[in-house]
C-alpha atoms as a PDB file:
ATOM      1  CA  MET A   1      54.972  66.355 133.340  1.00  0.00           C
ATOM      2  CA  ALA A   2      53.201  65.631 136.571  1.00  0.00           C
ATOM      3  CA  ALA A   3      53.422  62.009 135.809  1.00  0.00           C
ATOM      4  CA  LYS A   4      56.670  60.633 137.016  1.00  0.00           C
ATOM      5  CA  THR A   5      57.573  57.009 137.694  1.00  0.00           C
ATOM      6  CA  THR A   6      59.266  53.820 136.763  1.00  0.00           C
ATOM      7  CA  LEU A   7      61.040  50.804 138.077  1.00  0.00           C
ATOM      8  CA  VAL A   8      63.665  49.720 135.736  1.00  0.00           C
ATOM      9  CA  GLY A   9      62.864  46.065 136.091  1.00  0.00           C
ATOM     10  CA  THR A  10      59.186  46.623 135.525  1.00  0.00           C
ATOM     11  CA  LEU A  11      59.721  48.731 132.411  1.00  0.00           C
ATOM     12  CA  VAL A  12      62.360  46.478 130.835  1.00  0.00           C
ATOM     13  CA  ALA A  13      59.955  43.645 131.732  1.00  0.00           C
ATOM     14  CA  MET A  14      57.209  45.208 129.741  1.00  0.00           C
ATOM     15  CA  ALA A  15      59.256  46.051 126.762  1.00  0.00           C
ATOM     16  CA  ALA A  16      58.175  43.539 124.102  1.00  0.00           C
ATOM     17  CA  ALA A  17      56.281  40.595 122.770  1.00  0.00           C
ATOM     18  CA  ALA A  18      55.764  39.649 119.188  1.00  0.00           C
ATOM     19  CA  THR A  19      55.134  41.480 115.916  1.00  0.00           C
ATOM     20  CA  GLY A  20      52.237  39.146 115.536  1.00  0.00           C
ATOM     21  CA  CYS A  21      51.745  35.413 115.084  1.00  0.00           C
ATOM     22  CA  ALA A  22      53.824  35.248 111.913  1.00  0.00           C
ATOM     23  CA  THR A  23      53.872  32.186 109.788  1.00  0.00           C
ATOM     24  CA  ALA A  24      57.450  32.554 108.699  1.00  0.00           C
ATOM     25  CA  THR A  25      59.800  29.559 109.167  1.00  0.00           C
ATOM     26  CA  GLY A  26      62.960  29.322 111.191  1.00  0.00           C
ATOM     27  CA  ASP A  27      63.865  30.629 114.574  1.00  0.00           C
ATOM     28  CA  GLY A  28      65.456  34.018 113.766  1.00  0.00           C
ATOM     29  CA  ALA A  29      69.041  32.788 114.340  1.00  0.00           C
ATOM     30  CA  ASP A  30      70.375  35.247 111.846  1.00  0.00           C
ATOM     31  CA  ALA A  31      68.566  38.176 113.512  1.00  0.00           C
ATOM     32  CA  LYS A  32      70.034  37.054 116.938  1.00  0.00           C
ATOM     33  CA  ASP A  33      73.544  36.856 115.540  1.00  0.00           C
ATOM     34  CA  ALA A  34      73.134  40.396 114.156  1.00  0.00           C
ATOM     35  CA  PHE A  35      71.823  41.672 117.411  1.00  0.00           C
ATOM     36  CA  ALA A  36      74.867  40.174 119.194  1.00  0.00           C
ATOM     37  CA  ASP A  37      77.113  42.050 116.864  1.00  0.00           C
ATOM     38  CA  GLU A  38      75.311  45.336 117.260  1.00  0.00           C
ATOM     39  CA  PHE A  39      74.923  45.011 121.030  1.00  0.00           C
ATOM     40  CA  ALA A  40      78.618  44.342 121.514  1.00  0.00           C
ATOM     41  CA  ARG A  41      79.532  47.347 119.476  1.00  0.00           C
ATOM     42  CA  PHE A  42      77.002  49.411 121.271  1.00  0.00           C
ATOM     43  CA  GLN A  43      78.265  48.194 124.689  1.00  0.00           C
ATOM     44  CA  ASP A  44      81.936  49.068 123.594  1.00  0.00           C
ATOM     45  CA  GLU A  45      80.702  52.653 122.956  1.00  0.00           C
ATOM     46  CA  PHE A  46      78.260  53.386 125.795  1.00  0.00           C
ATOM     47  CA  GLY A  47      78.257  50.315 128.011  1.00  0.00           C
ATOM     48  CA  ALA A  48      81.094  50.775 130.480  1.00  0.00           C
ATOM     49  CA  GLY A  49      79.672  48.267 132.926  1.00  0.00           C
ATOM     50  CA  LYS A  50      76.069  49.239 132.345  1.00  0.00           C
ATOM     51  CA  ALA A  51      75.190  45.838 130.870  1.00  0.00           C
ATOM     52  CA  ASP A  52      76.487  44.099 134.008  1.00  0.00           C
ATOM     53  CA  LEU A  53      74.706  46.643 136.200  1.00  0.00           C
ATOM     54  CA  PHE A  54      71.370  45.839 134.736  1.00  0.00           C
ATOM     55  CA  GLY A  55      72.049  42.199 134.147  1.00  0.00           C
ATOM     56  CA  LEU A  56      71.734  42.433 130.307  1.00  0.00           C
ATOM     57  CA  ASP A  57      73.110  39.814 128.083  1.00  0.00           C
ATOM     58  CA  ILE A  58      74.099  39.584 124.460  1.00  0.00           C
ATOM     59  CA  ASP A  59      70.804  37.851 123.536  1.00  0.00           C
ATOM     60  CA  PRO A  60      67.627  39.634 122.594  1.00  0.00           C
ATOM     61  CA  CYS A  61      65.565  37.055 124.417  1.00  0.00           C
ATOM     62  CA  ALA A  62      67.331  37.986 127.818  1.00  0.00           C
ATOM     63  CA  LEU A  63      65.689  41.412 127.353  1.00  0.00           C
ATOM     64  CA  LEU A  64      62.458  40.341 125.522  1.00  0.00           C
ATOM     65  CA  GLY A  65      61.922  36.937 127.317  1.00  0.00           C
ATOM     66  CA  PRO A  66      60.103  38.098 130.529  1.00  0.00           C
ATOM     67  CA  LEU A  67      57.796  40.338 128.460  1.00  0.00           C
ATOM     68  CA  GLY A  68      55.985  37.853 126.212  1.00  0.00           C
ATOM     69  CA  GLU A  69      53.204  37.347 128.700  1.00  0.00           C
ATOM     70  CA  PHE A  70      52.142  40.883 128.252  1.00  0.00           C
ATOM     71  CA  GLY A  71      51.178  40.264 124.573  1.00  0.00           C
ATOM     72  CA  ASP A  72      51.848  42.165 121.352  1.00  0.00           C
ATOM     73  CA  ASP A  73      50.868  45.628 122.640  1.00  0.00           C
ATOM     74  CA  ALA A  74      53.804  45.644 125.068  1.00  0.00           C
ATOM     75  CA  LEU A  75      56.172  45.889 122.092  1.00  0.00           C
ATOM     76  CA  ARG A  76      54.752  49.194 121.046  1.00  0.00           C
ATOM     77  CA  MET A  77      56.633  51.034 123.689  1.00  0.00           C
ATOM     78  CA  GLY A  78      59.026  54.021 124.200  1.00  0.00           C
ATOM     79  CA  LEU A  79      61.074  56.155 126.411  1.00  0.00           C
ATOM     80  CA  VAL A  80      60.274  59.604 127.797  1.00  0.00           C
ATOM     81  CA  VAL A  81      62.815  62.062 129.305  1.00  0.00           C
ATOM     82  CA  GLY A  82      61.779  65.532 130.415  1.00  0.00           C
ATOM     83  CA  VAL A  83      61.900  68.522 132.668  1.00  0.00           C
ATOM     84  CA  GLU A  84      59.054  70.344 134.354  1.00  0.00           C
ATOM     85  CA  GLY A  85      58.263  73.402 136.414  1.00  0.00           C
ATOM     86  CA  GLU A  86      55.526  73.288 139.032  1.00  0.00           C
ATOM     87  CA  GLY A  87      53.795  75.731 141.358  1.00  0.00           C
ATOM     88  CA  VAL A  88      51.547  75.121 144.287  1.00  0.00           C
ATOM     89  CA  LEU A  89      49.126  77.556 145.814  1.00  0.00           C
ATOM     90  CA  GLY A  90      46.726  76.164 148.351  1.00  0.00           C
ATOM     91  CA  ALA A  91      45.341  72.953 146.911  1.00  0.00           C
ATOM     92  CA  GLY A  92      45.920  74.163 143.353  1.00  0.00           C
ATOM     93  CA  VAL A  93      48.760  72.709 141.178  1.00  0.00           C
ATOM     94  CA  GLY A  94      49.983  74.235 138.062  1.00  0.00           C
ATOM     95  CA  PHE A  95      52.741  72.858 135.824  1.00  0.00           C
ATOM     96  CA  GLY A  96      54.398  72.988 132.449  1.00  0.00           C
ATOM     97  CA  GLY A  97      57.353  71.174 130.723  1.00  0.00           C
ATOM     98  CA  VAL A  98      59.040  69.605 127.801  1.00  0.00           C
ATOM     99  CA  ASP A  99      59.352  65.947 126.872  1.00  0.00           C
ATOM    100  CA  PHE A 100      61.789  64.059 124.599  1.00  0.00           C
ATOM    101  CA  VAL A 101      59.938  60.929 123.487  1.00  0.00           C
ATOM    102  CA  TRP A 102      61.233  57.909 121.576  1.00  0.00           C
ATOM    103  CA  ASP A 103      58.924  55.277 119.987  1.00  0.00           C
ATOM    104  CA  LEU A 104      61.145  52.049 119.995  1.00  0.00           C
ATOM    105  CA  TYR A 105      58.738  50.169 117.803  1.00  0.00           C
ATOM    106  CA  HIS A 106      58.194  52.710 115.024  1.00  0.00           C
ATOM    107  CA  GLN A 107      61.714  54.084 115.470  1.00  0.00           C
ATOM    108  CA  GLN A 108      60.725  57.642 115.784  1.00  0.00           C
ATOM    109  CA  MET A 109      61.267  60.568 118.111  1.00  0.00           C
ATOM    110  CA  THR A 110      59.438  63.791 118.977  1.00  0.00           C
ATOM    111  CA  VAL A 111      59.728  66.724 121.345  1.00  0.00           C
ATOM    112  CA  SER A 112      56.547  67.804 123.144  1.00  0.00           C
ATOM    113  CA  ARG A 113      55.603  70.687 125.391  1.00  0.00           C
ATOM    114  CA  TYR A 114      52.721  70.622 127.748  1.00  0.00           C
ATOM    115  CA  ALA A 115      50.899  72.493 130.520  1.00  0.00           C
ATOM    116  CA  GLY A 116      48.172  71.685 132.908  1.00  0.00           C
ATOM    117  CA  ALA A 117      46.632  72.039 136.344  1.00  0.00           C
ATOM    118  CA  GLY A 118      45.114  69.913 139.150  1.00  0.00           C
ATOM    119  CA  ILE A 119      44.807  69.319 142.837  1.00  0.00           C
ATOM    120  CA  GLY A 120      47.209  68.159 145.532  1.00  0.00           C
ATOM    121  CA  ALA A 121      48.231  68.648 149.156  1.00  0.00           C
ATOM    122  CA  PRO A 122      47.831  72.181 150.338  1.00  0.00           C
ATOM    123  CA  GLY A 123      50.910  74.135 150.296  1.00  0.00           C
ATOM    124  CA  VAL A 124      52.749  77.188 148.786  1.00  0.00           C
ATOM    125  CA  GLY A 125      55.923  76.729 146.770  1.00  0.00           C
ATOM    126  CA  ALA A 126      57.608  75.986 143.420  1.00  0.00           C
ATOM    127  CA  SER A 127      59.843  73.287 142.160  1.00  0.00           C
ATOM    128  CA  ALA A 128      61.763  72.150 139.094  1.00  0.00           C
ATOM    129  CA  GLN A 129      61.806  68.398 138.235  1.00  0.00           C
ATOM    130  CA  ALA A 130      63.636  66.104 135.910  1.00  0.00           C
ATOM    131  CA  TYR A 131      62.238  62.688 135.110  1.00  0.00           C
ATOM    132  CA  VAL A 132      62.621  59.549 132.990  1.00  0.00           C
ATOM    133  CA  GLY A 133      60.123  56.826 132.261  1.00  0.00           C
ATOM    134  CA  ALA A 134      58.404  54.474 129.847  1.00  0.00           C
ATOM    135  CA  ALA A 135      55.456  54.840 127.520  1.00  0.00           C
ATOM    136  CA  PHE A 136      53.226  52.216 125.885  1.00  0.00           C
ATOM    137  CA  GLY A 137      50.515  52.100 123.375  1.00  0.00           C
ATOM    138  CA  PHE A 138      52.146  53.637 120.269  1.00  0.00           C
ATOM    139  CA  GLU A 139      49.695  52.248 117.720  1.00  0.00           C
ATOM    140  CA  HIS A 140      50.438  54.749 114.905  1.00  0.00           C
ATOM    141  CA  GLY A 141      53.769  56.104 115.824  1.00  0.00           C
ATOM    142  CA  VAL A 142      55.402  58.660 118.226  1.00  0.00           C
ATOM    143  CA  SER A 143      52.766  61.214 117.100  1.00  0.00           C
ATOM    144  CA  ASP A 144      50.341  59.419 119.479  1.00  0.00           C
ATOM    145  CA  TRP A 145      52.041  61.445 122.116  1.00  0.00           C
ATOM    146  CA  ASP A 146      49.629  64.370 121.516  1.00  0.00           C
ATOM    147  CA  GLY A 147      46.398  65.601 123.277  1.00  0.00           C
ATOM    148  CA  TYR A 148      45.034  65.313 126.756  1.00  0.00           C
ATOM    149  CA  PHE A 149      46.595  63.360 129.498  1.00  0.00           C
ATOM    150  CA  VAL A 150      45.880  62.657 133.200  1.00  0.00           C
ATOM    151  CA  THR A 151      48.460  61.996 135.862  1.00  0.00           C
ATOM    152  CA  ALA A 152      48.643  60.675 139.398  1.00  0.00           C
ATOM    153  CA  THR A 153      51.967  61.578 141.251  1.00  0.00           C
ATOM    154  CA  ALA A 154      53.361  61.005 144.682  1.00  0.00           C
ATOM    155  CA  GLU A 155      56.007  63.234 146.260  1.00  0.00           C
ATOM    156  CA  ILE A 156      58.247  61.489 148.738  1.00  0.00           C
ATOM    157  CA  GLY A 157      60.438  63.910 150.749  1.00  0.00           C
ATOM    158  CA  LEU A 158      63.958  62.752 151.514  1.00  0.00           C
ATOM    159  CA  PRO A 159      65.209  62.729 155.051  1.00  0.00           C
ATOM    160  CA  LEU A 160      66.394  66.071 156.347  1.00  0.00           C
ATOM    161  CA  LEU A 161      65.732  67.640 152.844  1.00  0.00           C
ATOM    162  CA  ASP A 162      61.941  67.178 152.896  1.00  0.00           C
ATOM    163  CA  ASP A 163      61.144  70.778 152.065  1.00  0.00           C
ATOM    164  CA  TYR A 164      63.644  70.930 149.132  1.00  0.00           C
ATOM    165  CA  VAL A 165      64.206  67.532 147.521  1.00  0.00           C
ATOM    166  CA  SER A 166      61.701  64.758 146.714  1.00  0.00           C
ATOM    167  CA  LEU A 167      61.326  61.685 144.531  1.00  0.00           C
ATOM    168  CA  ASP A 168      58.244  61.749 142.338  1.00  0.00           C
ATOM    169  CA  PRO A 169      56.887  58.432 141.143  1.00  0.00           C
ATOM    170  CA  GLY A 170      53.656  58.635 139.121  1.00  0.00           C
ATOM    171  CA  ALA A 171      51.545  57.204 136.353  1.00  0.00           C
ATOM    172  CA  TYR A 172      49.838  58.780 133.363  1.00  0.00           C
ATOM    173  CA  VAL A 173      47.184  57.919 130.734  1.00  0.00           C
ATOM    174  CA  SER A 174      46.014  59.792 127.728  1.00  0.00           C
ATOM    175  CA  ALA A 175      42.451  60.994 127.502  1.00  0.00           C
ATOM    176  CA  VAL A 176      39.802  62.432 125.015  1.00  0.00           C
ATOM    177  CA  ASP A 177      37.802  65.516 125.632  1.00  0.00           C
ATOM    178  CA  ARG A 178      34.691  64.166 124.016  1.00  0.00           C
ATOM    179  CA  ASP A 179      32.261  66.912 125.038  1.00  0.00           C
ATOM    180  CA  GLY A 180      34.714  69.726 124.320  1.00  0.00           C
ATOM    181  CA  ASP A 181      34.524  71.392 127.722  1.00  0.00           C
ATOM    182  CA  GLY A 182      38.194  71.465 128.319  1.00  0.00           C
ATOM    183  CA  PHE A 183      38.039  69.224 131.407  1.00  0.00           C
ATOM    184  CA  ILE A 184      38.536  65.457 131.480  1.00  0.00           C
ATOM    185  CA  ALA A 185      35.850  63.479 133.165  1.00  0.00           C
ATOM    186  CA  PRO A 186      36.676  59.763 134.492  1.00  0.00           C
ATOM    187  CA  SER A 187      34.822  58.431 131.459  1.00  0.00           C
ATOM    188  CA  GLU A 188      37.125  60.364 129.133  1.00  0.00           C
ATOM    189  CA  VAL A 189      40.189  58.741 130.347  1.00  0.00           C
ATOM    190  CA  LEU A 190      41.642  56.130 127.958  1.00  0.00           C
ATOM    191  CA  ALA A 191      42.328  53.274 130.391  1.00  0.00           C
ATOM    192  CA  PRO A 192      45.136  50.857 129.275  1.00  0.00           C
ATOM    193  CA  PRO A 193      45.590  49.334 126.960  1.00  0.00           C
ATOM    194  CA  ASP A 194      43.732  52.056 125.020  1.00  0.00           C
ATOM    195  CA  GLY A 195      45.604  55.224 124.352  1.00  0.00           C
ATOM    196  CA  VAL A 196      49.166  56.047 125.487  1.00  0.00           C
ATOM    197  CA  TYR A 197      50.019  55.219 129.111  1.00  0.00           C
ATOM    198  CA  GLY A 198      53.081  54.729 131.188  1.00  0.00           C
ATOM    199  CA  PHE A 199      55.280  55.523 134.267  1.00  0.00           C
ATOM    200  CA  THR A 200      58.034  57.894 135.156  1.00  0.00           C
ATOM    201  CA  MET A 201      60.380  58.604 138.136  1.00  0.00           C
ATOM    202  CA  GLY A 202      61.277  62.122 138.763  1.00  0.00           C
ATOM    203  CA  VAL A 203      63.462  64.235 141.207  1.00  0.00           C
ATOM    204  CA  SER A 204      62.273  67.559 142.305  1.00  0.00           C
ATOM    205  CA  LEU A 205      64.259  70.464 143.691  1.00  0.00           C
ATOM    206  CA  GLY A 206      62.329  73.374 145.141  1.00  0.00           C
ATOM    207  CA  VAL A 207      61.001  75.199 148.117  1.00  0.00           C
ATOM    208  CA  ASP A 208      57.829  74.769 150.102  1.00  0.00           C
ATOM    209  CA  LEU A 209      56.888  77.866 152.299  1.00  0.00           C
ATOM    210  CA  LEU A 210      54.467  75.801 154.448  1.00  0.00           C
ATOM    211  CA  PRO A 211      55.695  72.925 156.600  1.00  0.00           C
ATOM    212  CA  ASP A 212      54.791  69.521 155.141  1.00  0.00           C
ATOM    213  CA  PRO A 213      52.767  67.525 157.750  1.00  0.00           C
ATOM    214  CA  LEU A 214      53.367  64.202 155.937  1.00  0.00           C
ATOM    215  CA  PRO A 215      56.541  62.902 154.310  1.00  0.00           C
ATOM    216  CA  ILE A 216      54.457  61.632 151.227  1.00  0.00           C
ATOM    217  CA  GLU A 217      52.013  63.839 149.386  1.00  0.00           C
ATOM    218  CA  GLY A 218      50.114  63.339 146.141  1.00  0.00           C
ATOM    219  CA  SER A 219      48.371  65.071 143.314  1.00  0.00           C
ATOM    220  CA  ILE A 220      46.060  64.335 140.392  1.00  0.00           C
ATOM    221  CA  THR A 221      46.525  66.646 137.427  1.00  0.00           C
ATOM    222  CA  GLU A 222      45.362  66.932 133.829  1.00  0.00           C
ATOM    223  CA  GLY A 223      47.347  68.571 130.886  1.00  0.00           C
ATOM    224  CA  TYR A 224      47.733  68.726 127.128  1.00  0.00           C
ATOM    225  CA  TRP A 225      50.744  67.501 125.091  1.00  0.00           C
ATOM    226  CA  ARG A 226      51.454  69.347 121.862  1.00  0.00           C
ATOM    227  CA  PRO A 227      54.370  69.098 119.315  1.00  0.00           C
ATOM    228  CA  TYR A 228      57.156  71.536 120.043  1.00  0.00           C
ATOM    229  CA  LYS A 229      58.080  72.114 116.453  1.00  0.00           C
ATOM    230  CA  ARG A 230      61.075  74.332 116.887  1.00  0.00           C
ATOM    231  CA  ALA A 231      62.622  71.946 119.284  1.00  0.00           C
ATOM    232  CA  ILE A 232      61.856  69.049 116.985  1.00  0.00           C
ATOM    233  CA  ARG A 233      63.734  70.895 114.220  1.00  0.00           C
ATOM    234  CA  ARG A 234      66.741  71.676 116.527  1.00  0.00           C
ATOM    235  CA  ALA A 235      66.952  67.957 117.645  1.00  0.00           C
ATOM    236  CA  TYR A 236      66.709  66.828 113.995  1.00  0.00           C
ATOM    237  CA  ASP A 237      69.560  69.199 112.958  1.00  0.00           C
ATOM    238  CA  GLU A 238      71.834  68.113 115.762  1.00  0.00           C
ATOM    239  CA  LEU A 239      71.144  64.390 115.262  1.00  0.00           C
ATOM    240  CA  ARG A 240      71.678  64.481 111.449  1.00  0.00           C
ATOM    241  CA  ASN A 241      75.236  65.956 112.073  1.00  0.00           C
ATOM    242  CA  THR A 242      76.000  63.417 114.721  1.00  0.00           C
ATOM    243  CA  ARG A 243      78.535  60.637 113.745  1.00  0.00           C
ATOM    244  CA  MET A 244      77.734  57.145 115.107  1.00  0.00           C
ATOM    245  CA  PHE A 245      80.812  55.274 116.501  1.00  0.00           C
ATOM    246  CA  PHE A 246      82.982  58.100 114.988  1.00  0.00           C
ATOM    247  CA  VAL A 247      82.379  56.779 111.524  1.00  0.00           C
ATOM    248  CA  LYS A 248      79.299  57.918 109.654  1.00  0.00           C
ATOM    249  CA  LYS A 249      76.594  60.427 110.317  1.00  0.00           C
ATOM    250  CA  MET A 250      73.329  59.260 111.904  1.00  0.00           C
ATOM    251  CA  GLN A 251      70.532  58.569 109.523  1.00  0.00           C
ATOM    252  CA  VAL A 252      67.470  60.619 110.319  1.00  0.00           C
ATOM    253  CA  ARG A 253      64.569  62.050 108.458  1.00  0.00           C
ATOM    254  CA  LEU A 254      61.698  64.523 109.156  1.00  0.00           C
ATOM    255  CA  VAL A 255      58.482  62.947 108.111  1.00  0.00           C
ATOM    256  CA  ASP A 256      54.840  63.833 108.203  1.00  0.00           C
ATOM    257  CA  HIS A 257      53.206  61.927 111.076  1.00  0.00           C
ATOM    258  CA  HIS A 258      50.166  61.191 109.141  1.00  0.00           C
ATOM    259  CA  ASP A 259      51.417  59.636 105.815  1.00  0.00           C
ATOM    260  CA  GLY A 260      55.208  59.295 106.419  1.00  0.00           C
ATOM    261  CA  ALA A 261      56.211  61.554 103.417  1.00  0.00           C
ATOM    262  CA  GLU A 262      59.230  63.708 104.028  1.00  0.00           C
ATOM    263  CA  CYS A 263      58.706  67.118 105.319  1.00  0.00           C
ATOM    264  CA  PRO A 264      59.955  70.243 103.502  1.00  0.00           C
ATOM    265  CA  ALA A 265      63.613  71.123 104.042  1.00  0.00           C
ATOM    266  CA  GLY A 266      62.625  74.406 105.557  1.00  0.00           C
ATOM    267  CA  TRP A 267      60.059  73.120 108.006  1.00  0.00           C
ATOM    268  CA  PRO A 268      58.589  74.575 110.236  1.00  0.00           C
ATOM    269  CA  ASP A 269      59.331  77.915 108.540  1.00  0.00           C
ATOM    270  CA  VAL A 270      57.940  76.320 105.402  1.00  0.00           C
ATOM    271  CA  ASP A 271      54.520  74.549 105.668  1.00  0.00           C
ATOM    272  CA  GLY A 272      54.481  75.113 109.487  1.00  0.00           C
ATOM    273  CA  GLU A 273      51.073  73.786 109.777  1.00  0.00           C
ATOM    274  CA  ARG A 274      52.278  70.242 109.028  1.00  0.00           C
ATOM    275  CA  ASP A 275      53.146  67.909 111.971  1.00  0.00           C
ATOM    276  CA  CYS A 276      56.480  66.258 111.539  1.00  0.00           C
ATOM    277  CA  VAL A 277      58.446  63.793 113.550  1.00  0.00           C
ATOM    278  CA  ILE A 278      61.986  62.457 113.497  1.00  0.00           C
ATOM    279  CA  GLU A 279      62.234  59.042 111.978  1.00  0.00           C
ATOM    280  CA  PHE A 280      65.483  57.002 112.253  1.00  0.00           C
ATOM    281  CA  GLY A 281      67.207  54.922 109.488  1.00  0.00           C
ATOM    282  CA  ASP A 282      66.629  54.746 105.699  1.00  0.00           C
ATOM    283  CA  PRO A 283      63.226  53.293 104.742  1.00  0.00           C
ATOM    284  CA  GLY A 284      65.102  50.547 102.914  1.00  0.00           C
ATOM    285  CA  ASP A 285      67.043  49.509 105.961  1.00  0.00           C
ATOM    286  CA  GLY A 286      66.173  46.575 108.173  1.00  0.00           C
ATOM    287  CA  TYR A 287      64.621  47.198 111.544  1.00  0.00           C
ATOM    288  CA  LEU A 288      67.860  46.445 113.480  1.00  0.00           C
ATOM    289  CA  ARG A 289      69.813  48.854 111.371  1.00  0.00           C
ATOM    290  CA  ARG A 290      67.193  51.463 112.075  1.00  0.00           C
ATOM    291  CA  ALA A 291      67.126  50.558 115.641  1.00  0.00           C
ATOM    292  CA  VAL A 292      70.867  51.245 116.082  1.00  0.00           C
ATOM    293  CA  ASN A 293      70.217  54.831 114.906  1.00  0.00           C
ATOM    294  CA  THR A 294      67.248  54.996 117.453  1.00  0.00           C
ATOM    295  CA  ALA A 295      69.425  53.606 120.259  1.00  0.00           C
ATOM    296  CA  TYR A 296      72.374  55.815 119.504  1.00  0.00           C
ATOM    297  CA  SER A 297      70.131  59.010 119.528  1.00  0.00           C
ATOM    298  CA  ILE A 298      68.889  58.001 123.182  1.00  0.00           C
ATOM    299  CA  CYS A 299      72.516  57.880 124.425  1.00  0.00           C
ATOM    300  CA  HIS A 300      73.618  61.035 122.534  1.00  0.00           C
ATOM    301  CA  VAL A 301      70.648  63.150 123.830  1.00  0.00           C
ATOM    302  CA  THR A 302      71.011  61.878 127.505  1.00  0.00           C
ATOM    303  CA  GLY A 303      74.720  62.273 127.860  1.00  0.00           C
ATOM    304  CA  ARG A 304      75.954  58.909 126.800  1.00  0.00           C
ATOM    305  CA  CYS A 305      72.969  57.123 128.365  1.00  0.00           C
ATOM    306  CA  ALA A 306      73.754  58.723 131.797  1.00  0.00           C
ATOM    307  CA  ALA A 307      70.203  59.163 132.749  1.00  0.00           C
ATOM    308  CA  PRO A 308      68.530  56.172 134.648  1.00  0.00           C
ATOM    309  CA  LEU A 309      66.772  53.769 132.375  1.00  0.00           C
ATOM    310  CA  THR A 310      68.209  55.001 129.083  1.00  0.00           C
ATOM    311  CA  TRP A 311      70.752  52.270 128.796  1.00  0.00           C
ATOM    312  CA  PRO A 312      68.299  49.291 129.209  1.00  0.00           C
ATOM    313  CA  MET A 313      65.852  51.091 126.899  1.00  0.00           C
ATOM    314  CA  SER A 314      68.602  51.531 124.199  1.00  0.00           C
ATOM    315  CA  ALA A 315      69.388  47.845 124.451  1.00  0.00           C
ATOM    316  CA  THR A 316      65.682  46.982 124.203  1.00  0.00           C
ATOM    317  CA  ALA A 317      65.377  49.074 121.061  1.00  0.00           C
ATOM    318  CA  LEU A 318      68.082  46.830 119.498  1.00  0.00           C
ATOM    319  CA  ALA A 319      66.175  43.777 120.654  1.00  0.00           C
ATOM    320  CA  ILE A 320      62.890  44.986 119.334  1.00  0.00           C
ATOM    321  CA  GLY A 321      64.664  45.569 115.969  1.00  0.00           C
ATOM    322  CA  ALA A 322      66.066  42.076 115.838  1.00  0.00           C
ATOM    323  CA  LEU A 323      62.635  40.422 116.589  1.00  0.00           C
ATOM    324  CA  ARG A 324      61.016  42.385 113.855  1.00  0.00           C
ATOM    325  CA  ASP A 325      63.858  41.590 111.422  1.00  0.00           C
ATOM    326  CA  SER A 326      63.461  37.929 112.252  1.00  0.00           C
ATOM    327  CA  GLY A 327      60.065  37.613 110.555  1.00  0.00           C
ATOM    328  CA  VAL A 328      58.948  34.986 113.064  1.00  0.00           C
ATOM    329  CA  SER A 329      56.564  35.048 116.058  1.00  0.00           C
ATOM    330  CA  PHE A 330      57.809  35.956 119.545  1.00  0.00           C
ATOM    331  CA  GLU A 331      57.299  32.328 120.613  1.00  0.00           C
ATOM    332  CA  ARG A 332      59.407  30.971 117.776  1.00  0.00           C
ATOM    333  CA  PHE A 333      62.058  33.645 118.324  1.00  0.00           C
ATOM    334  CA  CYS A 334      62.238  33.031 122.099  1.00  0.00           C
ATOM    335  CA  PRO A 335      60.884  29.465 122.504  1.00  0.00           C
ATOM    336  CA  ASP A 336      62.309  28.933 126.050  1.00  0.00           C
ATOM    337  CA  THR A 337      60.696  31.983 127.723  1.00  0.00           C
ATOM    338  CA  GLY A 338      57.388  30.439 128.732  1.00  0.00           C
ATOM    339  CA  ALA A 339      55.496  33.404 127.084  1.00  0.00           C
ATOM    340  CA  ALA A 340      51.911  33.049 126.652  1.00  0.00           C
ATOM    341  CA  HIS A 341      50.763  31.969 123.239  1.00  0.00           C
ATOM    342  CA  HIS A 342      48.174  33.682 121.046  1.00  0.00           C
END
């Protein structure tokens, strides 16, 4: 996707707040203990020094603490990992790609494909990009990752490799084509905190047939996300046959993104008009138990959490699950964070 940015600190710092101003009593000590157990087990499987690298601790508030000031909406966050192809001819930019998207709050995953166009610095060339980032604003579930979006992207050429390799930070927001003309006007952009929005950081490999006058270039593009049903099905089939911690198979379901009902066993060959997403855990499980499946899937899909940001996001998924299991407000769960009260 043409949107590509993230700073690990910023993203982990926007990961969570509260599930609401709950009136439950207690401080969530049991949920914190359960988090410590799951985090330790997860670190043994995937950590290998990553916790120290990112300064993570076996305490959910160490992850969620800096985030309370962003409010409850910050908790409805997710991870996006994807690949994209892009072509440039003159000032015109065309692109298309595939996203793997996790909603850490609703503990769901989808695969999306997209295409779009826009304007950028004049040139002639093509590139392939890989990126990872964060998404916010999942109010209904991961199915919110659907429809129009607008991106602003920078391309920062690397020394001596400016025409071949670049870093691509950017930002994106979703949009609504209210007048149905197929183009997004500024008034149709859903500015945060409305809609889905976020950041990614990408690396591009390609060739530019025209010399770059500047080491930094930029583009503004619009595109359209749509569910990649065949890829969703393939991801579901692989995950449901994956064993967590070499013990038991991961718990995953295909559910209708509108009502949460289970999708037909033969989907999308059966009832292919239905929109389905992958949901982790059993409905009767606690949020932390479901978060373990969510976090494990991230590491499984990204080569044991080898991609940047995936390990902190996996740990954040566990922290969000523990907070939701506690049944108490963020302020009560993490009283020493200095988070803003609501």
